């Protein structure tokens, strides 16, 4: 069958085929010439290129980076300028609200809360960085070993990961920190030993993908040992994943350290952290001393929001999404 050029109707094989004088099915005549978009139902089920050139919005990176740098400067400079021993008390200045002399007020022992928040920020960020690094290193080693050796080694390690994931992280962290209560090493161990499992899974998945590539198979066929292949090929391939894991673990580590100190199994009261400051304010808020809770809580929220924003930007930059994604309702 052929197309009737007089009437513009299509018959047989040409039915439903777009021609210069007839638009596609579903578009009204003359709509294509006028630039009218296709119906929304068609736009909702078509794949479109995603408009994600650099990941997050352009303002997230400078805002989060500037905020985190400001917090680091606050945590380092304020205690150095004040030069105050956190164990020294001044009962004559106890329980004072925010004023020109004490911007954040004082606690029940007369200590300046501004200095204590800065000291607590420094301790919390230091513990978070150490926990993220230790957890990432442990997860990378276990993930690489599982991918490189395979077989029963892979099965044993992955079952250990499943068993550890079945236990609530906070509960297991409390148990580990309670064994050496008040020790900073116990706090780091409790957080690092409960957060390496996700890193191990991600590293193993990436290493298994790299292990099947031609240059890795060629290295194995030429006599390369598993340790040599893991060090020369698998480890460089998962290095971006390791850097990204450190960035993503930072906000979790800050919150977990604060939670452990708030529950009384973290750092001792004479060593201020954001968690110990919140624990001290837990009972004082009931008698109207709101500043003891407000300023440490704001510092904790701002610190975790800044680190989470930088982690999200790092994830989008280092692991760019696919350039095609499903457009829903014509929104890209």
Protein backbone atom coordinates (compact mmCIF):
# COMPACT_ATOMS: atom_id res chain seq x y z
CA UNK A 1 0.00 0.00 0.00
CA UNK A 2 1.13 3.60 -0.52
CA UNK A 3 0.43 7.06 0.81
CA UNK A 4 -2.20 9.25 -0.81
CA UNK A 5 -0.37 12.49 -1.56
CA UNK A 6 -3.60 14.29 -2.40
CA UNK A 7 -5.36 13.83 0.90
CA UNK A 8 -2.21 13.43 3.07
CA UNK A 9 -3.56 10.19 4.60
CA UNK A 10 -1.23 7.27 5.27
CA UNK A 11 -2.13 3.71 4.44
CA UNK A 12 -0.44 0.32 4.88
CA UNK A 13 3.21 0.45 5.83
CA UNK A 14 3.32 4.22 6.08
CA UNK A 15 0.60 4.48 8.67
CA UNK A 16 1.90 6.16 11.85
CA UNK A 17 5.17 7.25 10.18
CA UNK A 18 6.01 10.94 10.37
CA UNK A 19 6.39 12.66 7.02
CA UNK A 20 7.31 16.24 6.19
CA UNK A 21 3.65 17.07 5.56
CA UNK A 22 2.27 15.09 8.52
CA UNK A 23 3.45 15.29 12.19
CA UNK A 24 3.92 12.19 14.40
CA UNK A 25 1.00 10.41 16.00
CA UNK A 26 -0.25 12.25 19.08
CA UNK A 27 0.65 15.72 17.84
CA UNK A 28 -2.03 17.88 16.32
CA UNK A 29 -1.58 19.00 12.72
CA UNK A 30 0.50 22.12 12.56
CA UNK A 31 1.77 21.70 16.12
CA UNK A 32 5.26 20.60 15.04
CA UNK A 33 5.58 23.59 12.78
CA UNK A 34 4.54 25.92 15.59
CA UNK A 35 7.03 24.33 18.03
CA UNK A 36 4.33 22.90 20.31
CA UNK A 37 5.84 20.26 22.64
CA UNK A 38 4.52 16.69 22.66
CA UNK A 39 1.83 15.69 25.16
CA UNK A 40 2.84 15.39 28.81
CA UNK A 41 2.09 11.68 28.88
CA UNK A 42 4.77 11.15 26.26
CA UNK A 43 7.27 13.34 28.10
CA UNK A 44 6.67 11.35 31.29
CA UNK A 45 7.86 8.07 29.82
CA UNK A 46 10.82 9.19 27.73
CA UNK A 47 14.45 9.23 28.75
CA UNK A 48 16.19 12.59 28.70
CA UNK A 49 19.73 13.75 29.37
CA UNK A 50 20.07 14.89 32.96
CA UNK A 51 21.06 18.47 33.59
CA UNK A 52 23.66 17.74 36.25
CA UNK A 53 26.84 19.35 34.87
CA UNK A 54 28.77 19.54 38.10
CA UNK A 55 26.60 17.84 40.68
CA UNK A 56 25.03 20.04 43.29
CA UNK A 57 24.08 23.68 42.84
CA UNK A 58 26.97 26.06 42.47
CA UNK A 59 26.34 27.78 45.82
CA UNK A 60 26.56 24.62 47.96
CA UNK A 61 30.33 24.17 47.67
CA UNK A 62 31.44 27.71 48.63
CA UNK A 63 28.83 28.03 51.39
CA UNK A 64 29.65 24.67 53.02
CA UNK A 65 33.40 25.09 52.58
CA UNK A 66 33.32 28.60 54.02
CA UNK A 67 31.17 27.49 56.94
CA UNK A 68 33.47 24.58 57.75
CA UNK A 69 36.57 26.77 57.52
CA UNK A 70 34.93 29.30 59.83
CA UNK A 71 34.12 26.56 62.34
CA UNK A 72 37.68 25.24 62.20
CA UNK A 73 39.05 28.74 62.75
CA UNK A 74 36.61 29.20 65.63
CA UNK A 75 37.65 25.90 67.20
CA UNK A 76 41.37 26.63 66.88
CA UNK A 77 41.64 30.35 67.54
CA UNK A 78 39.16 30.96 70.38
CA UNK A 79 40.71 28.49 72.89
CA UNK A 80 44.18 29.75 71.97
CA UNK A 81 43.21 33.40 72.55
CA UNK A 82 41.30 32.68 75.76
CA UNK A 83 44.00 30.35 77.16
CA UNK A 84 41.60 29.03 79.80
CA UNK A 85 41.93 25.71 81.59
CA UNK A 86 38.56 23.94 81.17
CA UNK A 87 38.91 22.43 84.64
CA UNK A 88 39.17 25.81 86.39
CA UNK A 89 35.85 27.00 87.86
CA UNK A 90 34.59 30.44 88.92
CA UNK A 91 31.46 30.03 91.02
CA UNK A 92 30.99 33.79 91.30
CA UNK A 93 30.21 33.94 87.57
CA UNK A 94 28.10 30.78 87.43
CA UNK A 95 24.81 30.51 85.54
CA UNK A 96 25.01 33.85 83.76
CA UNK A 97 23.14 34.37 80.52
CA UNK A 98 24.62 35.76 77.31
CA UNK A 99 26.12 39.20 77.83
CA UNK A 100 28.90 41.46 76.57
CA UNK A 101 31.35 39.79 78.94
CA UNK A 102 30.26 36.25 78.06
CA UNK A 103 28.70 36.06 74.61
CA UNK A 104 27.39 32.51 75.10
CA UNK A 105 26.88 32.82 78.85
CA UNK A 106 28.44 30.65 81.54
CA UNK A 107 27.68 27.19 82.89
CA UNK A 108 26.97 26.03 86.44
CA UNK A 109 30.71 26.14 87.25
CA UNK A 110 31.25 29.66 85.91
CA UNK A 111 33.14 28.60 82.82
CA UNK A 112 32.71 30.65 79.64
CA UNK A 113 30.47 28.71 77.28
CA UNK A 114 31.98 30.31 74.18
CA UNK A 115 35.37 28.83 75.00
CA UNK A 116 33.87 25.48 75.91
CA UNK A 117 31.91 25.28 72.65
CA UNK A 118 35.11 26.03 70.72
CA UNK A 119 37.00 23.37 72.67
CA UNK A 120 34.18 20.89 72.17
CA UNK A 121 34.08 21.61 68.45
CA UNK A 122 37.80 20.95 68.18
CA UNK A 123 37.56 17.64 70.02
CA UNK A 124 34.46 16.48 68.11
CA UNK A 125 35.92 17.29 64.68
CA UNK A 126 39.22 15.62 65.55
CA UNK A 127 37.47 12.45 66.70
CA UNK A 128 35.23 12.48 63.61
CA UNK A 129 38.21 12.73 61.23
CA UNK A 130 40.09 9.94 62.99
CA UNK A 131 37.00 7.71 63.03
CA UNK A 132 36.33 8.30 59.34
CA UNK A 133 39.93 7.51 58.38
CA UNK A 134 40.13 4.35 60.51
CA UNK A 135 36.75 3.06 59.28
CA UNK A 136 37.67 3.75 55.64
CA UNK A 137 41.05 2.03 55.89
CA UNK A 138 39.49 -1.02 57.56
CA UNK A 139 36.65 -1.18 55.03
CA UNK A 140 39.04 -0.84 52.08
CA UNK A 141 41.29 -3.63 53.33
CA UNK A 142 38.40 -6.03 53.89
CA UNK A 143 36.66 -5.11 50.63
CA UNK A 144 39.85 -5.53 48.60
CA UNK A 145 40.65 -8.86 50.27
CA UNK A 146 37.15 -10.17 49.53
CA UNK A 147 37.35 -9.13 45.87
CA UNK A 148 40.94 -10.24 45.27
CA UNK A 149 40.79 -13.68 46.87
CA UNK A 150 37.13 -14.56 46.26
CA UNK A 151 35.86 -18.02 47.14
CA UNK A 152 35.50 -18.85 50.79
CA UNK A 153 37.37 -15.70 51.84
CA UNK A 154 34.78 -13.56 50.12
CA UNK A 155 31.90 -15.54 51.63
CA UNK A 156 33.28 -15.40 55.18
CA UNK A 157 34.01 -11.67 55.04
CA UNK A 158 30.64 -10.77 53.54
CA UNK A 159 28.78 -12.89 56.09
CA UNK A 160 30.69 -11.05 58.82
CA UNK A 161 29.56 -7.77 57.25
CA UNK A 162 25.94 -8.98 57.24
CA UNK A 163 26.15 -10.08 60.87
CA UNK A 164 27.58 -6.72 61.94
CA UNK A 165 24.95 -4.80 59.98
CA UNK A 166 22.23 -6.75 61.78
CA UNK A 167 23.24 -5.13 65.09
CA UNK A 168 22.20 -1.49 65.67
CA UNK A 169 25.29 0.68 65.34
CA UNK A 170 24.54 2.87 68.33
CA UNK A 171 23.91 -0.11 70.60
CA UNK A 172 27.15 -1.80 69.55
CA UNK A 173 29.02 1.47 69.92
CA UNK A 174 27.73 1.88 73.47
CA UNK A 175 28.94 -1.62 74.35
CA UNK A 176 32.43 -1.00 72.93
CA UNK A 177 32.77 2.46 74.51
CA UNK A 178 31.60 1.16 77.89
CA UNK A 179 34.52 -1.27 78.08
CA UNK A 180 36.99 1.64 78.39
CA UNK A 181 34.71 4.40 79.60
CA UNK A 182 36.13 7.89 79.20
CA UNK A 183 38.99 6.92 76.88
CA UNK A 184 39.18 8.71 73.54
CA UNK A 185 40.55 5.53 71.93
CA UNK A 186 37.39 3.68 72.99
CA UNK A 187 35.19 6.33 71.38
CA UNK A 188 37.17 6.15 68.12
CA UNK A 189 37.08 2.35 68.14
CA UNK A 190 33.34 2.22 68.86
CA UNK A 191 32.55 4.47 65.89
CA UNK A 192 35.11 3.07 63.44
CA UNK A 193 34.27 -0.59 64.13
CA UNK A 194 30.58 0.04 63.43
CA UNK A 195 30.91 2.06 60.22
CA UNK A 196 33.39 0.17 58.06
CA UNK A 197 30.87 -2.32 56.67
CA UNK A 198 29.33 -0.01 54.07
CA UNK A 199 32.79 1.01 52.89
CA UNK A 200 33.75 -2.66 52.52
CA UNK A 201 30.68 -3.38 50.37
CA UNK A 202 31.27 -0.41 48.07
CA UNK A 203 34.99 -1.16 47.68
CA UNK A 204 34.32 -4.86 47.02
CA UNK A 205 31.76 -4.02 44.34
CA UNK A 206 34.13 -1.64 42.58
CA UNK A 207 37.06 -4.05 42.87
CA UNK A 208 35.01 -6.90 41.39
CA UNK A 209 34.22 -4.72 38.40
CA UNK A 210 37.88 -3.80 37.89
CA UNK A 211 39.02 -7.40 38.34
CA UNK A 212 37.28 -8.46 35.13
CA UNK A 213 38.97 -5.86 32.93
CA UNK A 214 41.50 -6.85 30.31
CA UNK A 215 44.59 -5.30 31.87
CA UNK A 216 43.93 -7.04 35.19
CA UNK A 217 43.37 -10.38 33.46
CA UNK A 218 46.58 -9.83 31.51
CA UNK A 219 48.48 -9.15 34.75
CA UNK A 220 47.13 -12.39 36.24
CA UNK A 221 48.00 -14.40 33.12
CA UNK A 222 51.58 -13.06 33.23
CA UNK A 223 52.05 -14.50 36.71
CA UNK A 224 51.06 -11.63 38.96
CA UNK A 225 50.12 -12.72 42.46
CA UNK A 226 46.87 -11.68 44.08
CA UNK A 227 48.67 -9.36 46.46
CA UNK A 228 50.50 -7.72 43.55
CA UNK A 229 47.33 -7.33 41.52
CA UNK A 230 45.51 -5.91 44.53
CA UNK A 231 48.28 -3.38 45.21
CA UNK A 232 48.99 -2.37 41.60
CA UNK A 233 45.51 -2.41 40.05
CA UNK A 234 42.65 -2.78 42.52
CA UNK A 235 43.84 -0.31 45.14
CA UNK A 236 44.34 2.62 42.70
CA UNK A 237 40.93 1.90 41.20
CA UNK A 238 39.12 2.17 44.54
CA UNK A 239 41.10 5.16 45.82
CA UNK A 240 38.37 7.66 44.79
CA UNK A 241 35.83 5.53 46.64
CA UNK A 242 38.00 5.67 49.76
CA UNK A 243 38.31 9.46 49.65
CA UNK A 244 34.57 9.75 49.15
CA UNK A 245 33.90 7.38 52.05
CA UNK A 246 35.93 9.58 54.40
CA UNK A 247 33.88 12.61 53.38
CA UNK A 248 30.58 10.77 53.80
CA UNK A 249 31.50 9.34 57.21
CA UNK A 250 32.41 12.69 58.78
CA UNK A 251 28.87 13.85 59.67
CA UNK A 252 27.95 10.39 60.96
CA UNK A 253 31.03 10.33 63.18
CA UNK A 254 30.23 13.77 64.63
CA UNK A 255 26.71 12.71 65.55
CA UNK A 256 27.77 9.34 66.98
CA UNK A 257 30.47 10.91 69.16
CA UNK A 258 27.95 13.44 70.44
CA UNK A 259 25.42 10.68 71.10
CA UNK A 260 27.93 8.57 73.04
CA UNK A 261 29.05 11.53 75.16
CA UNK A 262 25.43 12.57 75.70
CA UNK A 263 24.62 9.08 76.99
CA UNK A 264 27.54 9.23 79.42
CA UNK A 265 29.74 6.54 77.85
CA UNK A 266 31.91 8.85 75.76
CA UNK A 267 34.41 11.44 76.91
CA UNK A 268 34.62 12.48 80.58
CA UNK A 269 33.01 15.79 81.68
CA UNK A 270 36.40 17.51 82.15
CA UNK A 271 37.18 17.03 78.44
CA UNK A 272 34.58 19.14 76.61
CA UNK A 273 33.01 17.94 73.39
CA UNK A 274 29.71 18.84 71.81
CA UNK A 275 28.19 15.70 73.30
CA UNK A 276 29.36 16.39 76.84
CA UNK A 277 28.11 19.98 76.62
CA UNK A 278 24.69 18.74 75.54
CA UNK A 279 24.68 16.21 78.37
CA UNK A 280 25.48 18.96 80.88
CA UNK A 281 22.61 21.07 79.53
CA UNK A 282 20.09 18.22 79.69
CA UNK A 283 19.01 19.00 83.25
CA UNK A 284 19.79 22.71 83.28
CA UNK A 285 17.29 23.47 80.51
CA UNK A 286 14.45 22.66 82.90
CA UNK A 287 15.37 25.57 85.17
CA UNK A 288 15.54 28.14 82.38
CA UNK A 289 19.21 28.01 81.38
CA UNK A 290 18.43 27.71 77.69
CA UNK A 291 21.79 28.99 76.46
CA UNK A 292 23.55 25.87 77.72
CA UNK A 293 21.60 23.83 75.16
CA UNK A 294 21.13 26.34 72.35
CA UNK A 295 24.71 27.18 71.44
CA UNK A 296 26.22 23.65 71.55
CA UNK A 297 23.22 22.34 69.59
CA UNK A 298 23.61 25.07 66.96
CA UNK A 299 27.32 24.31 66.65
CA UNK A 300 26.58 20.60 66.21
CA UNK A 301 23.87 21.22 63.58
CA UNK A 302 25.97 23.71 61.60
CA UNK A 303 29.05 21.45 61.69
CA UNK A 304 27.17 18.36 60.50
CA UNK A 305 25.25 20.32 57.86
CA UNK A 306 28.49 21.77 56.44
CA UNK A 307 30.25 18.40 56.36
CA UNK A 308 27.18 16.71 54.87
CA UNK A 309 26.98 19.37 52.16
CA UNK A 310 30.65 18.94 51.26
CA UNK A 311 30.18 15.16 51.25
CA UNK A 312 27.28 15.46 48.82
CA UNK A 313 29.28 17.74 46.52
CA UNK A 314 32.24 15.34 46.63
CA UNK A 315 29.94 12.44 45.79
CA UNK A 316 28.49 14.25 42.78
CA UNK A 317 31.89 15.37 41.53
CA UNK A 318 33.79 12.11 42.01
CA UNK A 319 30.95 9.78 41.07
CA UNK A 320 28.98 11.67 38.40
CA UNK A 321 25.56 10.33 37.68
CA UNK A 322 24.67 8.88 34.35
CA UNK A 323 23.82 11.45 31.76
CA UNK A 324 20.42 9.96 31.19
CA UNK A 325 17.68 9.63 33.77
CA UNK A 326 13.93 9.23 33.68
CA UNK A 327 12.12 12.53 33.34
CA UNK A 328 8.87 12.53 35.32
CA UNK A 329 6.13 14.86 34.29
CA UNK A 330 8.38 16.82 31.97
CA UNK A 331 10.54 18.08 34.88
CA UNK A 332 14.26 17.71 34.38
